[in-house]
Amino acid sequence: MNTLTLLPFIVLIAAMFLMTRSAKKKQQQAASMRNEMQPGSGVRTIGGMYATVKEVSEDTVLLDAGPGVDLLFAKNAIGAVLTDDEYNRIVHGIEHDLKADADVVPDDASSLTETDEPAAAAASGDKAVDFGKKDVAEDGTGAAEVAEAKKDEEPKKTDGDSEAK
């Protein structure tokens, strides 16, 4: 037989070996993680429920899911053993701030501008900003002038005769 014809079979066997080897490693890591569980550690089940380990036996785990709620699970049903910080963040909403010494970024820009007088006193002495729009009743200008200005802005209507032919 030619070695060129055996090459696809060798590659196929090597690929199968590597896939089973990686799957076996993952199973061993999961088993060691489950065996390292201790009472008091936080876990997530494969169904997505978070609980605290109350008691560990050979094949089962007793979980405390809340006050007066104890659940018995198979060890294989434990998806992950969580660190204390991660469990408290997810279940209790307690954030452990690793950057406690860092500067705090303000939510708004008002604290970034420092003035000698309070902002309210400064704002009360200023005039209102005029954006160019004036109401006829407030301004006091004649209604005829406003109507004439609007006439100039509107396009003129024609009889339908057009010079563009």
N, C-alpha and C. Protein backbone atom coordinates (compact mmCIF):
# COMPACT_ATOMS: atom_id res chain seq x y z
N MET A 1 0.82 -1.19 0.00
CA MET A 1 0.00 0.00 0.00
C MET A 1 0.87 1.25 0.00
N ASN A 2 0.29 2.24 -0.54
CA ASN A 2 0.99 3.51 -0.64
C ASN A 2 0.76 4.32 0.64
N THR A 3 1.76 5.05 1.11
CA THR A 3 1.62 5.86 2.34
C THR A 3 0.68 7.04 2.12
N LEU A 4 0.55 7.45 0.87
CA LEU A 4 -0.35 8.55 0.56
C LEU A 4 -1.81 8.15 0.79
N THR A 5 -2.15 6.89 0.57
CA THR A 5 -3.52 6.43 0.81
C THR A 5 -3.79 6.23 2.30
N LEU A 6 -2.78 5.98 3.09
CA LEU A 6 -2.95 5.80 4.53
C LEU A 6 -3.01 7.13 5.29
N LEU A 7 -2.54 8.20 4.68
CA LEU A 7 -2.47 9.50 5.34
C LEU A 7 -3.84 9.99 5.85
N PRO A 8 -4.93 9.95 5.07
CA PRO A 8 -6.24 10.40 5.60
C PRO A 8 -6.69 9.59 6.82
N PHE A 9 -6.43 8.31 6.85
CA PHE A 9 -6.81 7.48 8.00
C PHE A 9 -6.01 7.84 9.24
N ILE A 10 -4.75 8.14 9.05
CA ILE A 10 -3.89 8.51 10.18
C ILE A 10 -4.35 9.86 10.75
N VAL A 11 -4.67 10.81 9.88
CA VAL A 11 -5.14 12.12 10.33
C VAL A 11 -6.48 11.97 11.07
N LEU A 12 -7.36 11.14 10.58
CA LEU A 12 -8.66 10.92 11.21
C LEU A 12 -8.50 10.31 12.60
N ILE A 13 -7.64 9.33 12.73
CA ILE A 13 -7.41 8.68 14.02
C ILE A 13 -6.77 9.66 15.00
N ALA A 14 -5.85 10.50 14.54
CA ALA A 14 -5.21 11.48 15.41
C ALA A 14 -6.23 12.52 15.89
N ALA A 15 -7.12 12.96 15.01
CA ALA A 15 -8.14 13.92 15.39
C ALA A 15 -9.09 13.33 16.44
N MET A 16 -9.49 12.10 16.27
CA MET A 16 -10.37 11.44 17.24
C MET A 16 -9.66 11.31 18.58
N PHE A 17 -8.38 10.99 18.56
CA PHE A 17 -7.62 10.86 19.81
C PHE A 17 -7.55 12.20 20.55
N LEU A 18 -7.29 13.30 19.81
CA LEU A 18 -7.19 14.61 20.44
C LEU A 18 -8.53 15.08 21.00
N MET A 19 -9.62 14.78 20.29
CA MET A 19 -10.94 15.19 20.77
C MET A 19 -11.33 14.44 22.05
N THR A 20 -11.07 13.15 22.09
CA THR A 20 -11.42 12.38 23.30
C THR A 20 -10.52 12.78 24.46
N ARG A 21 -9.28 13.14 24.17
CA ARG A 21 -8.36 13.54 25.23
C ARG A 21 -8.82 14.86 25.87
N SER A 22 -9.24 15.84 25.05
CA SER A 22 -9.70 17.12 25.61
C SER A 22 -11.00 16.94 26.37
N ALA A 23 -11.89 16.10 25.90
CA ALA A 23 -13.14 15.84 26.62
C ALA A 23 -12.86 15.16 27.96
N LYS A 24 -11.90 14.27 27.98
CA LYS A 24 -11.54 13.58 29.22
C LYS A 24 -10.95 14.57 30.23
N LYS A 25 -10.15 15.53 29.75
CA LYS A 25 -9.58 16.54 30.63
C LYS A 25 -10.68 17.40 31.26
N LYS A 26 -11.66 17.78 30.45
CA LYS A 26 -12.77 18.59 30.96
C LYS A 26 -13.57 17.83 32.01
N GLN A 27 -13.79 16.55 31.79
CA GLN A 27 -14.52 15.73 32.76
C GLN A 27 -13.74 15.60 34.07
N GLN A 28 -12.42 15.47 33.96
CA GLN A 28 -11.60 15.37 35.17
C GLN A 28 -11.60 16.69 35.95
N GLN A 29 -11.56 17.81 35.25
CA GLN A 29 -11.60 19.10 35.92
C GLN A 29 -12.93 19.31 36.62
N ALA A 30 -14.02 18.92 35.98
CA ALA A 30 -15.35 19.06 36.59
C ALA A 30 -15.47 18.17 37.82
N ALA A 31 -14.95 16.95 37.73
CA ALA A 31 -15.01 16.03 38.87
C ALA A 31 -14.17 16.55 40.04
N SER A 32 -13.00 17.10 39.76
CA SER A 32 -12.17 17.63 40.84
C SER A 32 -12.83 18.87 41.47
N MET A 33 -13.48 19.68 40.65
CA MET A 33 -14.18 20.85 41.17
C MET A 33 -15.32 20.41 42.09
N ARG A 34 -16.04 19.41 41.71
CA ARG A 34 -17.15 18.92 42.54
C ARG A 34 -16.65 18.26 43.81
N ASN A 35 -15.50 17.60 43.75
CA ASN A 35 -14.95 16.96 44.94
C ASN A 35 -14.37 17.97 45.92
N GLU A 36 -14.01 19.16 45.45
CA GLU A 36 -13.45 20.19 46.32
C GLU A 36 -14.52 21.04 46.99
N MET A 37 -15.79 20.77 46.73
CA MET A 37 -16.87 21.54 47.36
C MET A 37 -16.84 21.34 48.86
N GLN A 38 -17.07 22.43 49.59
CA GLN A 38 -17.11 22.38 51.04
C GLN A 38 -18.38 23.07 51.51
N PRO A 39 -18.88 22.72 52.69
CA PRO A 39 -20.04 23.42 53.22
C PRO A 39 -19.74 24.92 53.37
N GLY A 40 -20.68 25.74 52.92
CA GLY A 40 -20.52 27.18 52.98
C GLY A 40 -20.13 27.82 51.66
N SER A 41 -19.71 27.02 50.68
CA SER A 41 -19.33 27.61 49.40
C SER A 41 -20.56 27.79 48.52
N GLY A 42 -20.52 28.80 47.66
CA GLY A 42 -21.63 29.08 46.76
C GLY A 42 -21.48 28.31 45.47
N VAL A 43 -22.59 27.81 44.95
CA VAL A 43 -22.57 27.01 43.73
C VAL A 43 -23.68 27.46 42.79
N ARG A 44 -23.51 27.09 41.51
CA ARG A 44 -24.56 27.26 40.50
C ARG A 44 -24.85 25.89 39.93
N THR A 45 -26.12 25.52 39.91
CA THR A 45 -26.47 24.23 39.36
C THR A 45 -26.53 24.31 37.84
N ILE A 46 -26.63 23.15 37.18
CA ILE A 46 -26.70 23.16 35.73
C ILE A 46 -28.02 23.75 35.25
N GLY A 47 -28.99 23.88 36.14
CA GLY A 47 -30.26 24.52 35.80
C GLY A 47 -30.24 26.02 36.02
N GLY A 48 -29.14 26.55 36.58
CA GLY A 48 -29.01 27.99 36.76
C GLY A 48 -29.42 28.49 38.13
N MET A 49 -29.63 27.61 39.09
CA MET A 49 -30.01 28.02 40.44
C MET A 49 -28.76 28.24 41.28
N TYR A 50 -28.75 29.35 42.04
CA TYR A 50 -27.63 29.66 42.92
C TYR A 50 -28.01 29.28 44.34
N ALA A 51 -27.09 28.61 45.04
CA ALA A 51 -27.36 28.17 46.41
C ALA A 51 -26.04 28.02 47.15
N THR A 52 -26.16 27.78 48.46
CA THR A 52 -25.00 27.57 49.32
C THR A 52 -24.96 26.10 49.71
N VAL A 53 -23.77 25.53 49.67
CA VAL A 53 -23.61 24.12 50.03
C VAL A 53 -23.77 23.98 51.53
N LYS A 54 -24.65 23.07 51.92
CA LYS A 54 -24.89 22.82 53.35
C LYS A 54 -24.19 21.55 53.81
N GLU A 55 -24.24 20.54 52.95
CA GLU A 55 -23.65 19.25 53.32
C GLU A 55 -23.24 18.51 52.05
N VAL A 56 -22.10 17.84 52.09
CA VAL A 56 -21.60 17.10 50.93
C VAL A 56 -21.46 15.64 51.32
N SER A 57 -22.06 14.74 50.53
CA SER A 57 -21.87 13.30 50.73
C SER A 57 -21.19 12.73 49.49
N GLU A 58 -21.16 11.42 49.38
CA GLU A 58 -20.41 10.79 48.29
C GLU A 58 -20.99 11.12 46.91
N ASP A 59 -22.29 10.98 46.73
CA ASP A 59 -22.92 11.22 45.42
C ASP A 59 -23.87 12.40 45.40
N THR A 60 -24.23 12.95 46.56
CA THR A 60 -25.22 14.01 46.61
C THR A 60 -24.69 15.24 47.35
N VAL A 61 -25.39 16.34 47.15
CA VAL A 61 -25.05 17.59 47.81
C VAL A 61 -26.36 18.18 48.35
N LEU A 62 -26.36 18.60 49.61
CA LEU A 62 -27.51 19.28 50.19
C LEU A 62 -27.26 20.77 50.09
N LEU A 63 -28.18 21.48 49.39
CA LEU A 63 -28.02 22.91 49.14
C LEU A 63 -29.04 23.70 49.92
N ASP A 64 -28.61 24.86 50.41
CA ASP A 64 -29.49 25.79 51.11
C ASP A 64 -29.83 26.90 50.11
N ALA A 65 -31.06 26.88 49.59
CA ALA A 65 -31.48 27.83 48.57
C ALA A 65 -32.15 29.07 49.16
N GLY A 66 -32.41 29.07 50.43
CA GLY A 66 -33.06 30.19 51.08
C GLY A 66 -33.42 29.80 52.49
N PRO A 67 -34.04 30.71 53.24
CA PRO A 67 -34.44 30.37 54.61
C PRO A 67 -35.45 29.24 54.63
N GLY A 68 -35.06 28.13 55.20
CA GLY A 68 -35.96 26.98 55.33
C GLY A 68 -36.10 26.15 54.07
N VAL A 69 -35.29 26.39 53.05
CA VAL A 69 -35.39 25.64 51.79
C VAL A 69 -34.08 24.87 51.59
N ASP A 70 -34.14 23.57 51.84
CA ASP A 70 -33.00 22.70 51.63
C ASP A 70 -33.31 21.77 50.46
N LEU A 71 -32.39 21.68 49.52
CA LEU A 71 -32.59 20.87 48.33
C LEU A 71 -31.48 19.85 48.21
N LEU A 72 -31.84 18.65 47.80
CA LEU A 72 -30.87 17.58 47.61
C LEU A 72 -30.60 17.41 46.12
N PHE A 73 -29.35 17.56 45.71
CA PHE A 73 -28.95 17.45 44.31
C PHE A 73 -27.88 16.39 44.16
N ALA A 74 -27.81 15.79 42.98
CA ALA A 74 -26.70 14.92 42.65
C ALA A 74 -25.47 15.79 42.41
N LYS A 75 -24.30 15.26 42.69
CA LYS A 75 -23.07 16.04 42.49
C LYS A 75 -22.90 16.43 41.03
N ASN A 76 -23.36 15.60 40.13
CA ASN A 76 -23.24 15.89 38.70
C ASN A 76 -24.09 17.08 38.28
N ALA A 77 -25.06 17.49 39.11
CA ALA A 77 -25.93 18.60 38.77
C ALA A 77 -25.32 19.95 39.15
N ILE A 78 -24.14 19.94 39.75
CA ILE A 78 -23.47 21.19 40.11
C ILE A 78 -22.67 21.65 38.90
N GLY A 79 -23.01 22.82 38.37
CA GLY A 79 -22.34 23.34 37.18
C GLY A 79 -21.06 24.06 37.49
N ALA A 80 -21.02 24.81 38.60
CA ALA A 80 -19.81 25.57 38.93
C ALA A 80 -19.79 25.87 40.42
N VAL A 81 -18.60 25.85 40.97
CA VAL A 81 -18.38 26.30 42.33
C VAL A 81 -17.84 27.72 42.21
N LEU A 82 -18.53 28.67 42.84
CA LEU A 82 -18.22 30.09 42.70
C LEU A 82 -17.34 30.58 43.84
N THR A 83 -16.56 31.62 43.55
CA THR A 83 -15.79 32.26 44.61
C THR A 83 -16.76 33.06 45.48
N ASP A 84 -16.31 33.42 46.68
CA ASP A 84 -17.19 34.16 47.60
C ASP A 84 -17.59 35.51 47.02
N ASP A 85 -16.64 36.22 46.39
CA ASP A 85 -16.95 37.53 45.81
C ASP A 85 -17.97 37.41 44.69
N GLU A 86 -17.79 36.41 43.83
CA GLU A 86 -18.71 36.23 42.69
C GLU A 86 -20.09 35.83 43.18
N TYR A 87 -20.17 34.94 44.18
CA TYR A 87 -21.46 34.51 44.72
C TYR A 87 -22.20 35.69 45.36
N ASN A 88 -21.49 36.50 46.17
CA ASN A 88 -22.12 37.65 46.82
C ASN A 88 -22.56 38.70 45.81
N ARG A 89 -21.80 38.87 44.74
CA ARG A 89 -22.17 39.84 43.70
C ARG A 89 -23.44 39.40 42.99
N ILE A 90 -23.55 38.13 42.67
CA ILE A 90 -24.70 37.62 41.91
C ILE A 90 -25.94 37.50 42.80
N VAL A 91 -25.80 36.88 43.95
CA VAL A 91 -26.97 36.56 44.78
C VAL A 91 -27.42 37.74 45.62
N HIS A 92 -26.48 38.39 46.30
CA HIS A 92 -26.83 39.45 47.24
C HIS A 92 -26.66 40.85 46.67
N GLY A 93 -26.03 40.97 45.50
CA GLY A 93 -25.82 42.27 44.89
C GLY A 93 -24.73 43.07 45.57
N ILE A 94 -23.85 42.42 46.29
CA ILE A 94 -22.76 43.10 47.00
C ILE A 94 -21.56 43.16 46.08
N GLU A 95 -21.13 44.38 45.78
CA GLU A 95 -19.97 44.57 44.91
C GLU A 95 -18.73 44.70 45.78
N HIS A 96 -17.73 43.93 45.48
CA HIS A 96 -16.44 44.06 46.15
C HIS A 96 -15.58 44.93 45.25
N ASP A 97 -15.36 46.16 45.66
CA ASP A 97 -14.66 47.13 44.83
C ASP A 97 -13.15 46.96 45.00
N LEU A 98 -12.50 46.49 43.94
CA LEU A 98 -11.05 46.32 43.99
C LEU A 98 -10.34 47.64 43.79
N LYS A 99 -11.01 48.62 43.22
CA LYS A 99 -10.41 49.92 42.96
C LYS A 99 -10.94 50.96 43.95
N ALA A 100 -10.96 50.63 45.22
CA ALA A 100 -11.51 51.54 46.22
C ALA A 100 -10.64 52.78 46.38
N ASP A 101 -9.35 52.67 46.09
CA ASP A 101 -8.46 53.80 46.25
C ASP A 101 -8.48 54.73 45.04
N ALA A 102 -9.07 54.31 43.95
CA ALA A 102 -9.08 55.10 42.72
C ALA A 102 -10.04 56.28 42.86
N ASP A 103 -9.83 57.31 42.03
CA ASP A 103 -10.70 58.48 42.03
C ASP A 103 -12.08 58.10 41.53
N VAL A 104 -13.08 58.75 42.07
CA VAL A 104 -14.46 58.49 41.68
C VAL A 104 -14.83 59.44 40.55
N VAL A 105 -15.40 58.89 39.50
CA VAL A 105 -15.83 59.70 38.37
C VAL A 105 -17.24 60.21 38.66
N PRO A 106 -17.47 61.53 38.55
CA PRO A 106 -18.80 62.07 38.86
C PRO A 106 -19.82 61.69 37.79
N ASP A 107 -21.09 61.65 38.19
CA ASP A 107 -22.17 61.31 37.27
C ASP A 107 -22.52 62.46 36.34
N ASP A 108 -22.29 63.69 36.77
CA ASP A 108 -22.59 64.84 35.94
C ASP A 108 -21.41 65.80 35.94
N ALA A 109 -21.47 66.80 35.08
CA ALA A 109 -20.35 67.72 34.92
C ALA A 109 -20.42 68.90 35.89
N SER A 110 -21.46 68.99 36.71
CA SER A 110 -21.59 70.15 37.60
C SER A 110 -20.49 70.18 38.65
N SER A 111 -20.01 69.04 39.07
CA SER A 111 -18.96 69.03 40.08
C SER A 111 -17.58 69.30 39.48
N LEU A 112 -17.47 69.30 38.16
CA LEU A 112 -16.19 69.55 37.52
C LEU A 112 -15.87 71.03 37.42
N THR A 113 -16.90 71.87 37.41
CA THR A 113 -16.68 73.31 37.32
C THR A 113 -16.81 73.89 38.71
N GLU A 114 -15.74 74.45 39.21
CA GLU A 114 -15.77 75.01 40.55
C GLU A 114 -15.81 76.53 40.45
N THR A 115 -16.78 77.14 41.13
CA THR A 115 -16.90 78.60 41.16
C THR A 115 -16.92 79.05 42.60
N ASP A 116 -16.67 80.35 42.81
CA ASP A 116 -16.67 80.88 44.17
C ASP A 116 -18.08 81.04 44.71
N GLU A 117 -19.04 81.39 43.82
CA GLU A 117 -20.42 81.59 44.25
C GLU A 117 -21.25 80.39 43.82
N PRO A 118 -22.33 80.13 44.52
CA PRO A 118 -23.18 78.99 44.15
C PRO A 118 -23.78 79.18 42.76
N ALA A 119 -24.08 78.08 42.12
CA ALA A 119 -24.60 78.10 40.75
C ALA A 119 -25.96 78.78 40.67
N ALA A 120 -26.77 78.67 41.70
CA ALA A 120 -28.10 79.28 41.68
C ALA A 120 -28.00 80.80 41.69
N ALA A 121 -27.07 81.34 42.44
CA ALA A 121 -26.92 82.79 42.51
C ALA A 121 -26.39 83.32 41.18
N ALA A 122 -25.51 82.59 40.54
CA ALA A 122 -24.96 83.02 39.26
C ALA A 122 -26.02 82.98 38.18
N ALA A 123 -26.88 81.99 38.22
CA ALA A 123 -27.91 81.83 37.19
C ALA A 123 -29.01 82.89 37.35
N SER A 124 -29.28 83.32 38.57
CA SER A 124 -30.37 84.28 38.76
C SER A 124 -30.01 85.66 38.24
N GLY A 125 -28.73 86.04 38.21
CA GLY A 125 -28.31 87.35 37.74
C GLY A 125 -28.18 87.43 36.24
N ASP A 126 -28.15 86.31 35.54
CA ASP A 126 -27.97 86.32 34.09
C ASP A 126 -29.28 86.56 33.37
N LYS A 127 -29.17 87.12 32.16
CA LYS A 127 -30.35 87.32 31.32
C LYS A 127 -30.68 86.02 30.62
N ALA A 128 -31.92 85.90 30.18
CA ALA A 128 -32.33 84.71 29.44
C ALA A 128 -31.64 84.71 28.08
N VAL A 129 -31.29 83.57 27.59
CA VAL A 129 -30.62 83.44 26.31
C VAL A 129 -31.64 83.55 25.20
N ASP A 130 -31.37 84.39 24.19
CA ASP A 130 -32.27 84.59 23.08
C ASP A 130 -31.80 83.74 21.91
N PHE A 131 -32.62 82.81 21.47
CA PHE A 131 -32.27 81.92 20.37
C PHE A 131 -32.80 82.42 19.03
N GLY A 132 -33.36 83.61 18.96
CA GLY A 132 -33.79 84.18 17.69
C GLY A 132 -35.25 84.02 17.39
N LYS A 133 -35.96 83.19 18.10
CA LYS A 133 -37.39 83.02 17.87
C LYS A 133 -38.13 83.97 18.77
N LYS A 134 -39.03 84.74 18.19
CA LYS A 134 -39.80 85.69 18.98
C LYS A 134 -41.27 85.47 18.71
N ASP A 135 -42.03 85.49 19.76
CA ASP A 135 -43.48 85.36 19.64
C ASP A 135 -44.06 86.76 19.46
N VAL A 136 -45.10 86.89 18.66
CA VAL A 136 -45.70 88.19 18.35
C VAL A 136 -46.26 88.83 19.60
N ALA A 137 -46.91 88.06 20.45
CA ALA A 137 -47.54 88.62 21.64
C ALA A 137 -46.50 89.10 22.64
N GLU A 138 -45.39 88.39 22.77
CA GLU A 138 -44.37 88.75 23.74
C GLU A 138 -43.54 89.93 23.26
N ASP A 139 -43.20 89.94 21.97
CA ASP A 139 -42.27 90.92 21.45
C ASP A 139 -42.92 92.29 21.26
N GLY A 140 -44.15 92.31 20.83
CA GLY A 140 -44.84 93.57 20.62
C GLY A 140 -44.68 94.12 19.22
N THR A 141 -44.00 93.42 18.32
CA THR A 141 -43.87 93.90 16.95
C THR A 141 -45.20 93.72 16.25
N GLY A 142 -45.41 94.46 15.21
CA GLY A 142 -46.69 94.45 14.52
C GLY A 142 -46.95 93.14 13.82
N ALA A 143 -48.20 92.73 13.81
CA ALA A 143 -48.59 91.50 13.15
C ALA A 143 -48.43 91.63 11.64
N ALA A 144 -48.54 92.84 11.14
CA ALA A 144 -48.39 93.06 9.69
C ALA A 144 -46.97 92.76 9.25
N GLU A 145 -45.99 93.15 10.06
CA GLU A 145 -44.59 92.89 9.70
C GLU A 145 -44.31 91.39 9.68
N VAL A 146 -44.85 90.66 10.64
CA VAL A 146 -44.64 89.21 10.71
C VAL A 146 -45.30 88.53 9.53
N ALA A 147 -46.53 88.95 9.18
CA ALA A 147 -47.23 88.36 8.05
C ALA A 147 -46.49 88.64 6.75
N GLU A 148 -45.94 89.85 6.61
CA GLU A 148 -45.20 90.21 5.40
C GLU A 148 -43.92 89.38 5.28
N ALA A 149 -43.27 89.14 6.40
CA ALA A 149 -42.04 88.33 6.39
C ALA A 149 -42.35 86.89 6.00
N LYS A 150 -43.50 86.37 6.46
CA LYS A 150 -43.88 85.01 6.10
C LYS A 150 -44.23 84.91 4.63
N LYS A 151 -44.84 85.96 4.06
CA LYS A 151 -45.19 85.95 2.64
C LYS A 151 -43.94 85.84 1.78
N ASP A 152 -42.90 86.56 2.18
CA ASP A 152 -41.66 86.54 1.40
C ASP A 152 -41.00 85.16 1.43
N GLU A 153 -41.16 84.43 2.54
CA GLU A 153 -40.54 83.11 2.68
C GLU A 153 -41.27 82.03 1.91
N GLU A 154 -42.60 82.15 1.74
CA GLU A 154 -43.39 81.11 1.08
C GLU A 154 -43.16 81.14 -0.42
N PRO A 155 -43.14 79.97 -1.08
CA PRO A 155 -42.99 79.95 -2.54
C PRO A 155 -44.27 80.48 -3.19
N LYS A 156 -44.08 81.17 -4.31
CA LYS A 156 -45.23 81.77 -5.00
C LYS A 156 -45.91 80.72 -5.87
N LYS A 157 -47.24 80.80 -5.91
CA LYS A 157 -48.02 79.86 -6.72
C LYS A 157 -48.15 80.40 -8.13
N THR A 158 -48.11 79.51 -9.11
CA THR A 158 -48.23 79.92 -10.51
C THR A 158 -49.46 79.25 -11.12
N ASP A 159 -49.81 79.67 -12.34
CA ASP A 159 -50.97 79.11 -13.03
C ASP A 159 -50.68 77.77 -13.67
N GLY A 160 -49.50 77.32 -13.58
CA GLY A 160 -49.14 76.06 -14.20
C GLY A 160 -48.24 76.28 -15.41
N ASP A 161 -48.13 77.55 -15.82
CA ASP A 161 -47.21 77.85 -16.92
C ASP A 161 -45.79 77.84 -16.38
N SER A 162 -44.98 77.23 -17.07
CA SER A 162 -43.61 77.12 -16.61
C SER A 162 -42.67 77.49 -17.74
N GLU A 163 -41.59 78.10 -17.43
CA GLU A 163 -40.61 78.47 -18.45
C GLU A 163 -39.68 77.31 -18.77
N ALA A 164 -39.62 76.33 -17.89
CA ALA A 164 -38.71 75.19 -18.12
C ALA A 164 -39.42 74.18 -19.00
N LYS A 165 -39.11 74.16 -20.31
CA LYS A 165 -39.71 73.19 -21.22
C LYS A 165 -38.62 72.51 -22.00
